[in-house]
């Protein structure tokens, strides 16, 4: 995307740290992914295979490292990918953010 856009998630980690005692950015990326898709209260069986927490945490860690360990940019990348997926009608996961040219 264009560089003139301002990250709407700027300061996300700072605000989160004010509310929670210990914050792990990788887990927060996975939790945001679940929330964006409305999957935070699914049955236990749902969180196996493709949506397994450990698999998504590995993808989230990679995304976080690629984006210079910036949680704000990582959450923004998820938000942009969700928008693109809804607009173009494709299924996505955290690792899709790494493969897409516009993120």
C-alpha atoms as a PDB file:
ATOM      1  CA  UNK A   1       0.000   0.000   0.000  1.00  0.00           C
ATOM      2  CA  UNK A   2       1.041   3.612  -0.259  1.00  0.00           C
ATOM      3  CA  UNK A   3       3.470   4.991   2.296  1.00  0.00           C
ATOM      4  CA  UNK A   4       1.310   8.053   2.956  1.00  0.00           C
ATOM      5  CA  UNK A   5      -1.280   5.998   4.850  1.00  0.00           C
ATOM      6  CA  UNK A   6      -1.113   6.206   8.628  1.00  0.00           C
ATOM      7  CA  UNK A   7      -1.277   3.017  10.661  1.00  0.00           C
ATOM      8  CA  UNK A   8      -4.596   3.066  12.565  1.00  0.00           C
ATOM      9  CA  UNK A   9      -3.189   0.534  15.041  1.00  0.00           C
ATOM     10  CA  UNK A  10      -0.300   2.770  16.096  1.00  0.00           C
ATOM     11  CA  UNK A  11       0.140   2.554  19.862  1.00  0.00           C
ATOM     12  CA  UNK A  12      -1.758  -0.752  20.107  1.00  0.00           C
ATOM     13  CA  UNK A  13       0.929  -2.457  22.203  1.00  0.00           C
ATOM     14  CA  UNK A  14       1.263   0.497  24.594  1.00  0.00           C
ATOM     15  CA  UNK A  15      -2.503   0.593  25.194  1.00  0.00           C
ATOM     16  CA  UNK A  16      -2.603  -3.169  25.617  1.00  0.00           C
ATOM     17  CA  UNK A  17       0.199  -3.103  28.184  1.00  0.00           C
ATOM     18  CA  UNK A  18      -1.778  -0.577  30.226  1.00  0.00           C
ATOM     19  CA  UNK A  19      -4.688  -3.031  30.416  1.00  0.00           C
ATOM     20  CA  UNK A  20      -2.862  -6.365  30.814  1.00  0.00           C
ATOM     21  CA  UNK A  21       0.014  -7.357  33.052  1.00  0.00           C
ATOM     22  CA  UNK A  22       2.083  -9.468  30.629  1.00  0.00           C
ATOM     23  CA  UNK A  23       1.662  -9.183  26.879  1.00  0.00           C
ATOM     24  CA  UNK A  24       3.164 -11.526  24.329  1.00  0.00           C
ATOM     25  CA  UNK A  25       2.946  -9.922  20.864  1.00  0.00           C
ATOM     26  CA  UNK A  26       2.827 -13.277  19.053  1.00  0.00           C
ATOM     27  CA  UNK A  27      -0.148 -14.447  21.095  1.00  0.00           C
ATOM     28  CA  UNK A  28      -1.834 -11.088  20.606  1.00  0.00           C
ATOM     29  CA  UNK A  29      -1.514 -11.435  16.806  1.00  0.00           C
ATOM     30  CA  UNK A  30      -3.161 -14.876  16.936  1.00  0.00           C
ATOM     31  CA  UNK A  31      -5.898 -13.595  19.248  1.00  0.00           C
ATOM     32  CA  UNK A  32      -6.583 -10.657  16.915  1.00  0.00           C
ATOM     33  CA  UNK A  33      -6.760 -13.067  13.956  1.00  0.00           C
ATOM     34  CA  UNK A  34      -9.356 -15.151  15.804  1.00  0.00           C
ATOM     35  CA  UNK A  35     -11.343 -12.023  16.773  1.00  0.00           C
ATOM     36  CA  UNK A  36     -11.276 -10.566  13.245  1.00  0.00           C
ATOM     37  CA  UNK A  37     -12.859 -13.743  11.949  1.00  0.00           C
ATOM     38  CA  UNK A  38     -15.303 -14.133  14.857  1.00  0.00           C
ATOM     39  CA  UNK A  39     -13.684 -17.355  16.059  1.00  0.00           C
ATOM     40  CA  UNK A  40     -12.758 -16.499  19.654  1.00  0.00           C
ATOM     41  CA  UNK A  41     -15.597 -18.585  21.173  1.00  0.00           C
ATOM     42  CA  UNK A  42     -15.583 -21.673  18.968  1.00  0.00           C
ATOM     43  CA  UNK A  43     -15.770 -25.302  20.192  1.00  0.00           C
ATOM     44  CA  UNK A  44     -12.497 -26.992  21.076  1.00  0.00           C
ATOM     45  CA  UNK A  45     -12.573 -29.158  17.938  1.00  0.00           C
ATOM     46  CA  UNK A  46     -12.432 -26.045  15.748  1.00  0.00           C
ATOM     47  CA  UNK A  47      -8.919 -25.197  16.959  1.00  0.00           C
ATOM     48  CA  UNK A  48      -7.301 -28.223  15.330  1.00  0.00           C
ATOM     49  CA  UNK A  49      -5.598 -28.563  11.981  1.00  0.00           C
ATOM     50  CA  UNK A  50      -5.587 -25.351   9.989  1.00  0.00           C
ATOM     51  CA  UNK A  51      -6.722 -23.182  12.897  1.00  0.00           C
ATOM     52  CA  UNK A  52      -4.546 -24.805  15.561  1.00  0.00           C
ATOM     53  CA  UNK A  53      -3.118 -22.231  17.930  1.00  0.00           C
ATOM     54  CA  UNK A  54       0.456 -23.542  17.695  1.00  0.00           C
ATOM     55  CA  UNK A  55       0.411 -23.406  13.881  1.00  0.00           C
ATOM     56  CA  UNK A  56      -0.972 -19.871  13.866  1.00  0.00           C
ATOM     57  CA  UNK A  57       1.512 -18.811  16.562  1.00  0.00           C
ATOM     58  CA  UNK A  58       4.373 -19.937  14.317  1.00  0.00           C
ATOM     59  CA  UNK A  59       2.928 -17.908  11.429  1.00  0.00           C
ATOM     60  CA  UNK A  60       2.382 -14.926  13.747  1.00  0.00           C
ATOM     61  CA  UNK A  61       5.977 -15.078  14.978  1.00  0.00           C
ATOM     62  CA  UNK A  62       7.243 -15.033  11.392  1.00  0.00           C
ATOM     63  CA  UNK A  63       5.007 -12.072  10.516  1.00  0.00           C
ATOM     64  CA  UNK A  64       6.102 -10.235  13.664  1.00  0.00           C
ATOM     65  CA  UNK A  65       9.785 -10.770  12.844  1.00  0.00           C
ATOM     66  CA  UNK A  66       9.402  -9.784   9.182  1.00  0.00           C
ATOM     67  CA  UNK A  67       7.767  -6.532  10.277  1.00  0.00           C
ATOM     68  CA  UNK A  68      10.729  -5.690  12.551  1.00  0.00           C
ATOM     69  CA  UNK A  69       8.945  -6.837  15.710  1.00  0.00           C
ATOM     70  CA  UNK A  70       6.330  -4.124  15.393  1.00  0.00           C
ATOM     71  CA  UNK A  71       2.989  -5.290  16.798  1.00  0.00           C
ATOM     72  CA  UNK A  72       1.107  -2.267  15.433  1.00  0.00           C
ATOM     73  CA  UNK A  73       2.204  -3.053  11.866  1.00  0.00           C
ATOM     74  CA  UNK A  74       1.455  -6.757  12.351  1.00  0.00           C
ATOM     75  CA  UNK A  75      -2.129  -6.065  13.428  1.00  0.00           C
ATOM     76  CA  UNK A  76      -2.495  -3.589  10.567  1.00  0.00           C
ATOM     77  CA  UNK A  77      -1.287  -6.251   8.117  1.00  0.00           C
ATOM     78  CA  UNK A  78      -3.988  -8.607   9.425  1.00  0.00           C
ATOM     79  CA  UNK A  79      -6.617  -5.911   9.046  1.00  0.00           C
ATOM     80  CA  UNK A  80      -5.578  -5.120   5.475  1.00  0.00           C
ATOM     81  CA  UNK A  81      -5.507  -8.818   4.554  1.00  0.00           C
ATOM     82  CA  UNK A  82      -8.990  -9.289   6.001  1.00  0.00           C
ATOM     83  CA  UNK A  83     -10.218  -6.375   3.878  1.00  0.00           C
ATOM     84  CA  UNK A  84      -8.579  -7.734   0.712  1.00  0.00           C
ATOM     85  CA  UNK A  85      -9.908 -11.240   1.359  1.00  0.00           C
ATOM     86  CA  UNK A  86     -13.456  -9.993   1.838  1.00  0.00           C
ATOM     87  CA  UNK A  87     -13.221  -7.717  -1.200  1.00  0.00           C
ATOM     88  CA  UNK A  88     -11.783 -10.399  -3.496  1.00  0.00           C
ATOM     89  CA  UNK A  89     -13.503 -13.435  -1.976  1.00  0.00           C
ATOM     90  CA  UNK A  90     -10.584 -15.611  -0.902  1.00  0.00           C
ATOM     91  CA  UNK A  91      -9.735 -17.491   2.277  1.00  0.00           C
ATOM     92  CA  UNK A  92      -6.722 -16.300   4.238  1.00  0.00           C
ATOM     93  CA  UNK A  93      -4.564 -17.010   7.251  1.00  0.00           C
ATOM     94  CA  UNK A  94      -1.756 -15.153   9.020  1.00  0.00           C
ATOM     95  CA  UNK A  95       0.868 -16.512   6.624  1.00  0.00           C
ATOM     96  CA  UNK A  96      -1.076 -15.067   3.682  1.00  0.00           C
ATOM     97  CA  UNK A  97       0.040 -11.632   4.890  1.00  0.00           C
ATOM     98  CA  UNK A  98       3.638 -12.653   4.171  1.00  0.00           C
ATOM     99  CA  UNK A  99       2.858 -13.800   0.643  1.00  0.00           C
ATOM    100  CA  UNK A 100       0.724 -10.874  -0.491  1.00  0.00           C
ATOM    101  CA  UNK A 101       2.321  -7.992  -2.387  1.00  0.00           C
ATOM    102  CA  UNK A 102       0.130  -5.202  -0.994  1.00  0.00           C
ATOM    103  CA  UNK A 103       0.871  -5.881   2.666  1.00  0.00           C
END
